[in-house]
Amino acid sequence: FGMLMERTLLQWLSGLDHLYGLLLTFGVALIIQGLFQNYFGSSGLPY
């Protein structure tokens, strides 16, 4: 999944300031966390 993310998103930031990568990955983190929280809530699942 990370390699897919690098190929589709991060490769276009090559040579740009670090801030662009930080903002993009921060946005991706919020999306992933929001999707999982929407389906599984905030409580922990036992393993």
ModelCIF file with pLDDT and N, C-alpha, C, O atoms, coordinates in Angstrom:
data_MODEL
#
_entry.id   MODEL 
#
_entity.id                         1 
_entity.type                       polymer 
_entity.pdbx_number_of_molecules   1 
#
_entity_poly.entity_id                      1 
_entity_poly.type                           'polypeptide(L)' 
_entity_poly.nstd_linkage                   no 
_entity_poly.nstd_monomer                   no 
_entity_poly.pdbx_seq_one_letter_code       FGMLMERTLLQWLSGLDHLYGLLLTFGVALIIQGLFQNYFGSSGLPY 
_entity_poly.pdbx_seq_one_letter_code_can   FGMLMERTLLQWLSGLDHLYGLLLTFGVALIIQGLFQNYFGSSGLPY 
_entity_poly.pdbx_strand_id                 A 
#
loop_
_entity_poly_seq.entity_id 
_entity_poly_seq.num 
_entity_poly_seq.mon_id 
_entity_poly_seq.hetero 
1 1  PHE n 
1 2  GLY n 
1 3  MET n 
1 4  LEU n 
1 5  MET n 
1 6  GLU n 
1 7  ARG n 
1 8  THR n 
1 9  LEU n 
1 10 LEU n 
1 11 GLN n 
1 12 TRP n 
1 13 LEU n 
1 14 SER n 
1 15 GLY n 
1 16 LEU n 
1 17 ASP n 
1 18 HIS n 
1 19 LEU n 
1 20 TYR n 
1 21 GLY n 
1 22 LEU n 
1 23 LEU n 
1 24 LEU n 
1 25 THR n 
1 26 PHE n 
1 27 GLY n 
1 28 VAL n 
1 29 ALA n 
1 30 LEU n 
1 31 ILE n 
1 32 ILE n 
1 33 GLN n 
1 34 GLY n 
1 35 LEU n 
1 36 PHE n 
1 37 GLN n 
1 38 ASN n 
1 39 TYR n 
1 40 PHE n 
1 41 GLY n 
1 42 SER n 
1 43 SER n 
1 44 GLY n 
1 45 LEU n 
1 46 PRO n 
1 47 TYR n 
#
_struct_asym.id          A 
_struct_asym.entity_id   1 
#
loop_
_ma_qa_metric.id 
_ma_qa_metric.mode 
_ma_qa_metric.name 
_ma_qa_metric.software_group_id 
_ma_qa_metric.type 
1 global pLDDT . pLDDT 
2 local  pLDDT . pLDDT 
#
_ma_qa_metric_global.metric_id      1 
_ma_qa_metric_global.metric_value   89.83 
_ma_qa_metric_global.model_id       1 
_ma_qa_metric_global.ordinal_id     1 
#
loop_
_ma_qa_metric_local.label_asym_id 
_ma_qa_metric_local.label_comp_id 
_ma_qa_metric_local.label_seq_id 
_ma_qa_metric_local.metric_id 
_ma_qa_metric_local.metric_value 
_ma_qa_metric_local.model_id 
_ma_qa_metric_local.ordinal_id 
A PHE 1  2 96.00 1 1  
A GLY 2  2 95.00 1 2  
A MET 3  2 95.00 1 3  
A LEU 4  2 95.00 1 4  
A MET 5  2 94.00 1 5  
A GLU 6  2 92.00 1 6  
A ARG 7  2 92.00 1 7  
A THR 8  2 92.00 1 8  
A LEU 9  2 90.00 1 9  
A LEU 10 2 89.00 1 10 
A GLN 11 2 86.00 1 11 
A TRP 12 2 86.00 1 12 
A LEU 13 2 83.00 1 13 
A SER 14 2 75.00 1 14 
A GLY 15 2 73.00 1 15 
A LEU 16 2 79.00 1 16 
A ASP 17 2 82.00 1 17 
A HIS 18 2 81.00 1 18 
A LEU 19 2 86.00 1 19 
A TYR 20 2 89.00 1 20 
A GLY 21 2 88.00 1 21 
A LEU 22 2 89.00 1 22 
A LEU 23 2 92.00 1 23 
A LEU 24 2 93.00 1 24 
A THR 25 2 94.00 1 25 
A PHE 26 2 93.00 1 26 
A GLY 27 2 94.00 1 27 
A VAL 28 2 95.00 1 28 
A ALA 29 2 95.00 1 29 
A LEU 30 2 94.00 1 30 
A ILE 31 2 95.00 1 31 
A ILE 32 2 95.00 1 32 
A GLN 33 2 94.00 1 33 
A GLY 34 2 94.00 1 34 
A LEU 35 2 94.00 1 35 
A PHE 36 2 95.00 1 36 
A GLN 37 2 93.00 1 37 
A ASN 38 2 93.00 1 38 
A TYR 39 2 91.00 1 39 
A PHE 40 2 91.00 1 40 
A GLY 41 2 86.00 1 41 
A SER 42 2 81.00 1 42 
A SER 43 2 82.00 1 43 
A GLY 44 2 85.00 1 44 
A LEU 45 2 91.00 1 45 
A PRO 46 2 91.00 1 46 
A TYR 47 2 94.00 1 47 
#
loop_
_atom_site.group_PDB 
_atom_site.id 
_atom_site.type_symbol 
_atom_site.label_atom_id 
_atom_site.label_alt_id 
_atom_site.label_comp_id 
_atom_site.label_asym_id 
_atom_site.label_entity_id 
_atom_site.label_seq_id 
_atom_site.pdbx_PDB_ins_code 
_atom_site.Cartn_x 
_atom_site.Cartn_y 
_atom_site.Cartn_z 
_atom_site.occupancy 
_atom_site.B_iso_or_equiv 
_atom_site.pdbx_formal_charge 
_atom_site.auth_seq_id 
_atom_site.auth_comp_id 
_atom_site.auth_asym_id 
_atom_site.auth_atom_id 
_atom_site.pdbx_PDB_model_num 
ATOM 1   N N  . PHE A 1 1  ? 0.836   -1.206  0.000  1.00 96.00 ? 1  PHE A N  1 
ATOM 2   C CA . PHE A 1 1  ? 0.000   0.000   0.000  1.00 96.00 ? 1  PHE A CA 1 
ATOM 3   C C  . PHE A 1 1  ? 0.873   1.258   0.000  1.00 96.00 ? 1  PHE A C  1 
ATOM 4   O O  . PHE A 1 1  ? 0.576   2.228   -0.697 1.00 96.00 ? 1  PHE A O  1 
ATOM 5   N N  . GLY A 1 2  ? 1.949   1.230   0.788  1.00 95.00 ? 2  GLY A N  1 
ATOM 6   C CA . GLY A 1 2  ? 2.872   2.364   0.822  1.00 95.00 ? 2  GLY A CA 1 
ATOM 7   C C  . GLY A 1 2  ? 3.531   2.605   -0.533 1.00 95.00 ? 2  GLY A C  1 
ATOM 8   O O  . GLY A 1 2  ? 3.687   3.750   -0.956 1.00 95.00 ? 2  GLY A O  1 
ATOM 9   N N  . MET A 1 3  ? 3.919   1.522   -1.213 1.00 95.00 ? 3  MET A N  1 
ATOM 10  C CA . MET A 1 3  ? 4.539   1.672   -2.540 1.00 95.00 ? 3  MET A CA 1 
ATOM 11  C C  . MET A 1 3  ? 3.551   2.251   -3.544 1.00 95.00 ? 3  MET A C  1 
ATOM 12  O O  . MET A 1 3  ? 3.917   3.057   -4.398 1.00 95.00 ? 3  MET A O  1 
ATOM 13  N N  . LEU A 1 4  ? 2.286   1.827   -3.430 1.00 95.00 ? 4  LEU A N  1 
ATOM 14  C CA . LEU A 1 4  ? 1.250   2.408   -4.297 1.00 95.00 ? 4  LEU A CA 1 
ATOM 15  C C  . LEU A 1 4  ? 1.090   3.896   -4.009 1.00 95.00 ? 4  LEU A C  1 
ATOM 16  O O  . LEU A 1 4  ? 0.936   4.700   -4.928 1.00 95.00 ? 4  LEU A O  1 
ATOM 17  N N  . MET A 1 5  ? 1.126   4.256   -2.735 1.00 94.00 ? 5  MET A N  1 
ATOM 18  C CA . MET A 1 5  ? 1.013   5.670   -2.349 1.00 94.00 ? 5  MET A CA 1 
ATOM 19  C C  . MET A 1 5  ? 2.199   6.477   -2.893 1.00 94.00 ? 5  MET A C  1 
ATOM 20  O O  . MET A 1 5  ? 2.029   7.609   -3.345 1.00 94.00 ? 5  MET A O  1 
ATOM 21  N N  . GLU A 1 6  ? 3.395   5.888   -2.847 1.00 92.00 ? 6  GLU A N  1 
ATOM 22  C CA . GLU A 1 6  ? 4.577   6.590   -3.358 1.00 92.00 ? 6  GLU A CA 1 
ATOM 23  C C  . GLU A 1 6  ? 4.486   6.777   -4.868 1.00 92.00 ? 6  GLU A C  1 
ATOM 24  O O  . GLU A 1 6  ? 4.848   7.835   -5.383 1.00 92.00 ? 6  GLU A O  1 
ATOM 25  N N  . ARG A 1 7  ? 4.009   5.766   -5.580 1.00 92.00 ? 7  ARG A N  1 
ATOM 26  C CA . ARG A 1 7  ? 3.924   5.848   -7.037 1.00 92.00 ? 7  ARG A CA 1 
ATOM 27  C C  . ARG A 1 7  ? 2.854   6.819   -7.504 1.00 92.00 ? 7  ARG A C  1 
ATOM 28  O O  . ARG A 1 7  ? 3.035   7.506   -8.509 1.00 92.00 ? 7  ARG A O  1 
ATOM 29  N N  . THR A 1 8  ? 1.733   6.885   -6.776 1.00 92.00 ? 8  THR A N  1 
ATOM 30  C CA . THR A 1 8  ? 0.609   7.702   -7.236 1.00 92.00 ? 8  THR A CA 1 
ATOM 31  C C  . THR A 1 8  ? 0.618   9.123   -6.681 1.00 92.00 ? 8  THR A C  1 
ATOM 32  O O  . THR A 1 8  ? 0.052   10.027  -7.295 1.00 92.00 ? 8  THR A O  1 
ATOM 33  N N  . LEU A 1 9  ? 1.259   9.334   -5.517 1.00 90.00 ? 9  LEU A N  1 
ATOM 34  C CA . LEU A 1 9  ? 1.209   10.650  -4.866 1.00 90.00 ? 9  LEU A CA 1 
ATOM 35  C C  . LEU A 1 9  ? 2.585   11.268  -4.649 1.00 90.00 ? 9  LEU A C  1 
ATOM 36  O O  . LEU A 1 9  ? 2.863   12.367  -5.127 1.00 90.00 ? 9  LEU A O  1 
ATOM 37  N N  . LEU A 1 10 ? 3.439   10.559  -3.930 1.00 89.00 ? 10 LEU A N  1 
ATOM 38  C CA . LEU A 1 10 ? 4.674   11.169  -3.439 1.00 89.00 ? 10 LEU A CA 1 
ATOM 39  C C  . LEU A 1 10 ? 5.707   11.415  -4.533 1.00 89.00 ? 10 LEU A C  1 
ATOM 40  O O  . LEU A 1 10 ? 6.524   12.327  -4.413 1.00 89.00 ? 10 LEU A O  1 
ATOM 41  N N  . GLN A 1 11 ? 5.683   10.613  -5.601 1.00 86.00 ? 11 GLN A N  1 
ATOM 42  C CA . GLN A 1 11 ? 6.703   10.794  -6.628 1.00 86.00 ? 11 GLN A CA 1 
ATOM 43  C C  . GLN A 1 11 ? 6.618   12.169  -7.305 1.00 86.00 ? 11 GLN A C  1 
ATOM 44  O O  . GLN A 1 11 ? 7.605   12.663  -7.851 1.00 86.00 ? 11 GLN A O  1 
ATOM 45  N N  . TRP A 1 12 ? 5.423   12.778  -7.262 1.00 86.00 ? 12 TRP A N  1 
ATOM 46  C CA . TRP A 1 12 ? 5.256   14.084  -7.901 1.00 86.00 ? 12 TRP A CA 1 
ATOM 47  C C  . TRP A 1 12 ? 5.851   15.216  -7.062 1.00 86.00 ? 12 TRP A C  1 
ATOM 48  O O  . TRP A 1 12 ? 5.954   16.351  -7.526 1.00 86.00 ? 12 TRP A O  1 
ATOM 49  N N  . LEU A 1 13 ? 6.237   14.904  -5.834 1.00 83.00 ? 13 LEU A N  1 
ATOM 50  C CA . LEU A 1 13 ? 6.816   15.929  -4.960 1.00 83.00 ? 13 LEU A CA 1 
ATOM 51  C C  . LEU A 1 13 ? 8.339   15.935  -5.004 1.00 83.00 ? 13 LEU A C  1 
ATOM 52  O O  . LEU A 1 13 ? 8.977   16.684  -4.264 1.00 83.00 ? 13 LEU A O  1 
ATOM 53  N N  . SER A 1 14 ? 8.919   15.119  -5.851 1.00 75.00 ? 14 SER A N  1 
ATOM 54  C CA . SER A 1 14 ? 10.381  15.027  -5.917 1.00 75.00 ? 14 SER A CA 1 
ATOM 55  C C  . SER A 1 14 ? 10.996  16.381  -6.275 1.00 75.00 ? 14 SER A C  1 
ATOM 56  O O  . SER A 1 14 ? 10.598  17.006  -7.258 1.00 75.00 ? 14 SER A O  1 
ATOM 57  N N  . GLY A 1 15 ? 11.950  16.822  -5.488 1.00 73.00 ? 15 GLY A N  1 
ATOM 58  C CA . GLY A 1 15 ? 12.627  18.084  -5.737 1.00 73.00 ? 15 GLY A CA 1 
ATOM 59  C C  . GLY A 1 15 ? 11.961  19.286  -5.111 1.00 73.00 ? 15 GLY A C  1 
ATOM 60  O O  . GLY A 1 15 ? 12.522  20.382  -5.121 1.00 73.00 ? 15 GLY A O  1 
ATOM 61  N N  . LEU A 1 16 ? 10.755  19.097  -4.558 1.00 79.00 ? 16 LEU A N  1 
ATOM 62  C CA . LEU A 1 16 ? 10.064  20.217  -3.921 1.00 79.00 ? 16 LEU A CA 1 
ATOM 63  C C  . LEU A 1 16 ? 10.453  20.319  -2.452 1.00 79.00 ? 16 LEU A C  1 
ATOM 64  O O  . LEU A 1 16 ? 11.113  19.431  -1.911 1.00 79.00 ? 16 LEU A O  1 
ATOM 65  N N  . ASP A 1 17 ? 10.041  21.401  -1.815 1.00 82.00 ? 17 ASP A N  1 
ATOM 66  C CA . ASP A 1 17 ? 10.331  21.609  -0.401 1.00 82.00 ? 17 ASP A CA 1 
ATOM 67  C C  . ASP A 1 17 ? 9.700   20.506  0.455  1.00 82.00 ? 17 ASP A C  1 
ATOM 68  O O  . ASP A 1 17 ? 8.653   19.961  0.107  1.00 82.00 ? 17 ASP A O  1 
ATOM 69  N N  . HIS A 1 18 ? 10.364  20.179  1.598  1.00 81.00 ? 18 HIS A N  1 
ATOM 70  C CA . HIS A 1 18 ? 9.878   19.127  2.494  1.00 81.00 ? 18 HIS A CA 1 
ATOM 71  C C  . HIS A 1 18 ? 8.473   19.396  2.988  1.00 81.00 ? 18 HIS A C  1 
ATOM 72  O O  . HIS A 1 18 ? 7.744   18.457  3.307  1.00 81.00 ? 18 HIS A O  1 
ATOM 73  N N  . LEU A 1 19 ? 8.076   20.658  3.060  1.00 86.00 ? 19 LEU A N  1 
ATOM 74  C CA . LEU A 1 19 ? 6.763   21.013  3.593  1.00 86.00 ? 19 LEU A CA 1 
ATOM 75  C C  . LEU A 1 19 ? 5.638   20.389  2.772  1.00 86.00 ? 19 LEU A C  1 
ATOM 76  O O  . LEU A 1 19 ? 4.604   20.016  3.325  1.00 86.00 ? 19 LEU A O  1 
ATOM 77  N N  . TYR A 1 20 ? 5.829   20.271  1.457  1.00 89.00 ? 20 TYR A N  1 
ATOM 78  C CA . TYR A 1 20 ? 4.789   19.690  0.611  1.00 89.00 ? 20 TYR A CA 1 
ATOM 79  C C  . TYR A 1 20 ? 4.555   18.217  0.955  1.00 89.00 ? 20 TYR A C  1 
ATOM 80  O O  . TYR A 1 20 ? 3.412   17.768  1.035  1.00 89.00 ? 20 TYR A O  1 
ATOM 81  N N  . GLY A 1 21 ? 5.640   17.471  1.156  1.00 88.00 ? 21 GLY A N  1 
ATOM 82  C CA . GLY A 1 21 ? 5.509   16.072  1.533  1.00 88.00 ? 21 GLY A CA 1 
ATOM 83  C C  . GLY A 1 21 ? 4.870   15.908  2.894  1.00 88.00 ? 21 GLY A C  1 
ATOM 84  O O  . GLY A 1 21 ? 4.053   15.011  3.101  1.00 88.00 ? 21 GLY A O  1 
ATOM 85  N N  . LEU A 1 22 ? 5.246   16.784  3.834  1.00 89.00 ? 22 LEU A N  1 
ATOM 86  C CA . LEU A 1 22 ? 4.675   16.714  5.178  1.00 89.00 ? 22 LEU A CA 1 
ATOM 87  C C  . LEU A 1 22 ? 3.167   16.960  5.131  1.00 89.00 ? 22 LEU A C  1 
ATOM 88  O O  . LEU A 1 22 ? 2.398   16.234  5.761  1.00 89.00 ? 22 LEU A O  1 
ATOM 89  N N  . LEU A 1 23 ? 2.744   17.986  4.382  1.00 92.00 ? 23 LEU A N  1 
ATOM 90  C CA . LEU A 1 23 ? 1.312   18.307  4.305  1.00 92.00 ? 23 LEU A CA 1 
ATOM 91  C C  . LEU A 1 23 ? 0.540   17.197  3.597  1.00 92.00 ? 23 LEU A C  1 
ATOM 92  O O  . LEU A 1 23 ? -0.567  16.851  4.009  1.00 92.00 ? 23 LEU A O  1 
ATOM 93  N N  . LEU A 1 24 ? 1.118   16.640  2.537  1.00 93.00 ? 24 LEU A N  1 
ATOM 94  C CA . LEU A 1 24 ? 0.431   15.563  1.808  1.00 93.00 ? 24 LEU A CA 1 
ATOM 95  C C  . LEU A 1 24 ? 0.266   14.329  2.683  1.00 93.00 ? 24 LEU A C  1 
ATOM 96  O O  . LEU A 1 24 ? -0.827  13.769  2.766  1.00 93.00 ? 24 LEU A O  1 
ATOM 97  N N  . THR A 1 25 ? 1.344   13.900  3.339  1.00 94.00 ? 25 THR A N  1 
ATOM 98  C CA . THR A 1 25 ? 1.255   12.707  4.175  1.00 94.00 ? 25 THR A CA 1 
ATOM 99  C C  . THR A 1 25 ? 0.376   12.944  5.409  1.00 94.00 ? 25 THR A C  1 
ATOM 100 O O  . THR A 1 25 ? -0.269  12.016  5.896  1.00 94.00 ? 25 THR A O  1 
ATOM 101 N N  . PHE A 1 26 ? 0.348   14.176  5.913  1.00 93.00 ? 26 PHE A N  1 
ATOM 102 C CA . PHE A 1 26 ? -0.546  14.503  7.021  1.00 93.00 ? 26 PHE A CA 1 
ATOM 103 C C  . PHE A 1 26 ? -1.998  14.352  6.579  1.00 93.00 ? 26 PHE A C  1 
ATOM 104 O O  . PHE A 1 26 ? -2.827  13.816  7.315  1.00 93.00 ? 26 PHE A O  1 
ATOM 105 N N  . GLY A 1 27 ? -2.297  14.826  5.377  1.00 94.00 ? 27 GLY A N  1 
ATOM 106 C CA . GLY A 1 27 ? -3.650  14.668  4.840  1.00 94.00 ? 27 GLY A CA 1 
ATOM 107 C C  . GLY A 1 27 ? -4.017  13.212  4.634  1.00 94.00 ? 27 GLY A C  1 
ATOM 108 O O  . GLY A 1 27 ? -5.141  12.808  4.934  1.00 94.00 ? 27 GLY A O  1 
ATOM 109 N N  . VAL A 1 28 ? -3.076  12.413  4.122  1.00 95.00 ? 28 VAL A N  1 
ATOM 110 C CA . VAL A 1 28 ? -3.323  10.977  3.940  1.00 95.00 ? 28 VAL A CA 1 
ATOM 111 C C  . VAL A 1 28 ? -3.594  10.312  5.287  1.00 95.00 ? 28 VAL A C  1 
ATOM 112 O O  . VAL A 1 28 ? -4.481  9.466   5.397  1.00 95.00 ? 28 VAL A O  1 
ATOM 113 N N  . ALA A 1 29 ? -2.819  10.700  6.325  1.00 95.00 ? 29 ALA A N  1 
ATOM 114 C CA . ALA A 1 29 ? -3.005  10.131  7.665  1.00 95.00 ? 29 ALA A CA 1 
ATOM 115 C C  . ALA A 1 29 ? -4.405  10.433  8.186  1.00 95.00 ? 29 ALA A C  1 
ATOM 116 O O  . ALA A 1 29 ? -5.059  9.556   8.750  1.00 95.00 ? 29 ALA A O  1 
ATOM 117 N N  . LEU A 1 30 ? -4.874  11.680  7.999  1.00 94.00 ? 30 LEU A N  1 
ATOM 118 C CA . LEU A 1 30 ? -6.214  12.046  8.471  1.00 94.00 ? 30 LEU A CA 1 
ATOM 119 C C  . LEU A 1 30 ? -7.296  11.242  7.747  1.00 94.00 ? 30 LEU A C  1 
ATOM 120 O O  . LEU A 1 30 ? -8.280  10.828  8.360  1.00 94.00 ? 30 LEU A O  1 
ATOM 121 N N  . ILE A 1 31 ? -7.112  11.023  6.452  1.00 95.00 ? 31 ILE A N  1 
ATOM 122 C CA . ILE A 1 31 ? -8.095  10.249  5.677  1.00 95.00 ? 31 ILE A CA 1 
ATOM 123 C C  . ILE A 1 31 ? -8.144  8.807   6.163  1.00 95.00 ? 31 ILE A C  1 
ATOM 124 O O  . ILE A 1 31 ? -9.225  8.262   6.390  1.00 95.00 ? 31 ILE A O  1 
ATOM 125 N N  . ILE A 1 32 ? -6.968  8.182   6.326  1.00 95.00 ? 32 ILE A N  1 
ATOM 126 C CA . ILE A 1 32 ? -6.914  6.779   6.763  1.00 95.00 ? 32 ILE A CA 1 
ATOM 127 C C  . ILE A 1 32 ? -7.517  6.628   8.150  1.00 95.00 ? 32 ILE A C  1 
ATOM 128 O O  . ILE A 1 32 ? -8.327  5.731   8.381  1.00 95.00 ? 32 ILE A O  1 
ATOM 129 N N  . GLN A 1 33 ? -7.126  7.499   9.074  1.00 94.00 ? 33 GLN A N  1 
ATOM 130 C CA . GLN A 1 33 ? -7.644  7.413   10.435 1.00 94.00 ? 33 GLN A CA 1 
ATOM 131 C C  . GLN A 1 33 ? -9.150  7.666   10.461 1.00 94.00 ? 33 GLN A C  1 
ATOM 132 O O  . GLN A 1 33 ? -9.881  7.004   11.199 1.00 94.00 ? 33 GLN A O  1 
ATOM 133 N N  . GLY A 1 34 ? -9.615  8.628   9.653  1.00 94.00 ? 34 GLY A N  1 
ATOM 134 C CA . GLY A 1 34 ? -11.048 8.918   9.606  1.00 94.00 ? 34 GLY A CA 1 
ATOM 135 C C  . GLY A 1 34 ? -11.857 7.741   9.087  1.00 94.00 ? 34 GLY A C  1 
ATOM 136 O O  . GLY A 1 34 ? -12.930 7.447   9.615  1.00 94.00 ? 34 GLY A O  1 
ATOM 137 N N  . LEU A 1 35 ? -11.357 7.061   8.057  1.00 94.00 ? 35 LEU A N  1 
ATOM 138 C CA . LEU A 1 35 ? -12.063 5.896   7.512  1.00 94.00 ? 35 LEU A CA 1 
ATOM 139 C C  . LEU A 1 35 ? -12.158 4.773   8.541  1.00 94.00 ? 35 LEU A C  1 
ATOM 140 O O  . LEU A 1 35 ? -13.225 4.190   8.732  1.00 94.00 ? 35 LEU A O  1 
ATOM 141 N N  . PHE A 1 36 ? -11.049 4.471   9.198  1.00 95.00 ? 36 PHE A N  1 
ATOM 142 C CA . PHE A 1 36 ? -11.058 3.386   10.180 1.00 95.00 ? 36 PHE A CA 1 
ATOM 143 C C  . PHE A 1 36 ? -11.923 3.749   11.392 1.00 95.00 ? 36 PHE A C  1 
ATOM 144 O O  . PHE A 1 36 ? -12.621 2.896   11.941 1.00 95.00 ? 36 PHE A O  1 
ATOM 145 N N  . GLN A 1 37 ? -11.871 5.016   11.802 1.00 93.00 ? 37 GLN A N  1 
ATOM 146 C CA . GLN A 1 37 ? -12.662 5.442   12.959 1.00 93.00 ? 37 GLN A CA 1 
ATOM 147 C C  . GLN A 1 37 ? -14.149 5.410   12.629 1.00 93.00 ? 37 GLN A C  1 
ATOM 148 O O  . GLN A 1 37 ? -14.970 5.117   13.498 1.00 93.00 ? 37 GLN A O  1 
ATOM 149 N N  . ASN A 1 38 ? -14.499 5.707   11.386 1.00 93.00 ? 38 ASN A N  1 
ATOM 150 C CA . ASN A 1 38 ? -15.892 5.696   10.967 1.00 93.00 ? 38 ASN A CA 1 
ATOM 151 C C  . ASN A 1 38 ? -16.475 4.283   11.032 1.00 93.00 ? 38 ASN A C  1 
ATOM 152 O O  . ASN A 1 38 ? -17.635 4.104   11.402 1.00 93.00 ? 38 ASN A O  1 
ATOM 153 N N  . TYR A 1 39 ? -15.667 3.282   10.670 1.00 91.00 ? 39 TYR A N  1 
ATOM 154 C CA . TYR A 1 39 ? -16.159 1.908   10.624 1.00 91.00 ? 39 TYR A CA 1 
ATOM 155 C C  . TYR A 1 39 ? -15.987 1.158   11.943 1.00 91.00 ? 39 TYR A C  1 
ATOM 156 O O  . TYR A 1 39 ? -16.780 0.268   12.250 1.00 91.00 ? 39 TYR A O  1 
ATOM 157 N N  . PHE A 1 40 ? -14.961 1.503   12.730 1.00 91.00 ? 40 PHE A N  1 
ATOM 158 C CA . PHE A 1 40 ? -14.653 0.713   13.921 1.00 91.00 ? 40 PHE A CA 1 
ATOM 159 C C  . PHE A 1 40 ? -14.766 1.496   15.227 1.00 91.00 ? 40 PHE A C  1 
ATOM 160 O O  . PHE A 1 40 ? -14.580 0.925   16.302 1.00 91.00 ? 40 PHE A O  1 
ATOM 161 N N  . GLY A 1 41 ? -15.069 2.802   15.153 1.00 86.00 ? 41 GLY A N  1 
ATOM 162 C CA . GLY A 1 41 ? -15.178 3.602   16.354 1.00 86.00 ? 41 GLY A CA 1 
ATOM 163 C C  . GLY A 1 41 ? -13.821 3.854   16.988 1.00 86.00 ? 41 GLY A C  1 
ATOM 164 O O  . GLY A 1 41 ? -12.781 3.614   16.373 1.00 86.00 ? 41 GLY A O  1 
ATOM 165 N N  . SER A 1 42 ? -13.840 4.339   18.223 1.00 81.00 ? 42 SER A N  1 
ATOM 166 C CA . SER A 1 42 ? -12.599 4.693   18.903 1.00 81.00 ? 42 SER A CA 1 
ATOM 167 C C  . SER A 1 42 ? -12.152 3.655   19.920 1.00 81.00 ? 42 SER A C  1 
ATOM 168 O O  . SER A 1 42 ? -11.025 3.718   20.410 1.00 81.00 ? 42 SER A O  1 
ATOM 169 N N  . SER A 1 43 ? -13.015 2.702   20.246 1.00 82.00 ? 43 SER A N  1 
ATOM 170 C CA . SER A 1 43 ? -12.653 1.700   21.251 1.00 82.00 ? 43 SER A CA 1 
ATOM 171 C C  . SER A 1 43 ? -11.705 0.661   20.655 1.00 82.00 ? 43 SER A C  1 
ATOM 172 O O  . SER A 1 43 ? -11.665 0.458   19.441 1.00 82.00 ? 43 SER A O  1 
ATOM 173 N N  . GLY A 1 44 ? -10.948 0.012   21.528 1.00 85.00 ? 44 GLY A N  1 
ATOM 174 C CA . GLY A 1 44 ? -9.968  -0.960  21.074 1.00 85.00 ? 44 GLY A CA 1 
ATOM 175 C C  . GLY A 1 44 ? -10.578 -2.321  20.785 1.00 85.00 ? 44 GLY A C  1 
ATOM 176 O O  . GLY A 1 44 ? -11.556 -2.725  21.414 1.00 85.00 ? 44 GLY A O  1 
ATOM 177 N N  . LEU A 1 45 ? -9.988  -3.023  19.826 1.00 91.00 ? 45 LEU A N  1 
ATOM 178 C CA . LEU A 1 45 ? -10.390 -4.382  19.483 1.00 91.00 ? 45 LEU A CA 1 
ATOM 179 C C  . LEU A 1 45 ? -9.336  -5.347  20.020 1.00 91.00 ? 45 LEU A C  1 
ATOM 180 O O  . LEU A 1 45 ? -8.142  -5.110  19.834 1.00 91.00 ? 45 LEU A O  1 
ATOM 181 N N  . PRO A 1 46 ? -9.744  -6.420  20.677 1.00 91.00 ? 46 PRO A N  1 
ATOM 182 C CA . PRO A 1 46 ? -8.758  -7.321  21.290 1.00 91.00 ? 46 PRO A CA 1 
ATOM 183 C C  . PRO A 1 46 ? -8.035  -8.177  20.254 1.00 91.00 ? 46 PRO A C  1 
ATOM 184 O O  . PRO A 1 46 ? -8.618  -8.602  19.256 1.00 91.00 ? 46 PRO A O  1 
ATOM 185 N N  . TYR A 1 47 ? -6.760  -8.416  20.513 1.00 94.00 ? 47 TYR A N  1 
ATOM 186 C CA . TYR A 1 47 ? -5.960  -9.338  19.689 1.00 94.00 ? 47 TYR A CA 1 
ATOM 187 C C  . TYR A 1 47 ? -5.172  -10.220 20.654 1.00 94.00 ? 47 TYR A C  1 
ATOM 188 O O  . TYR A 1 47 ? -4.415  -11.087 20.220 1.00 94.00 ? 47 TYR A O  1 
#
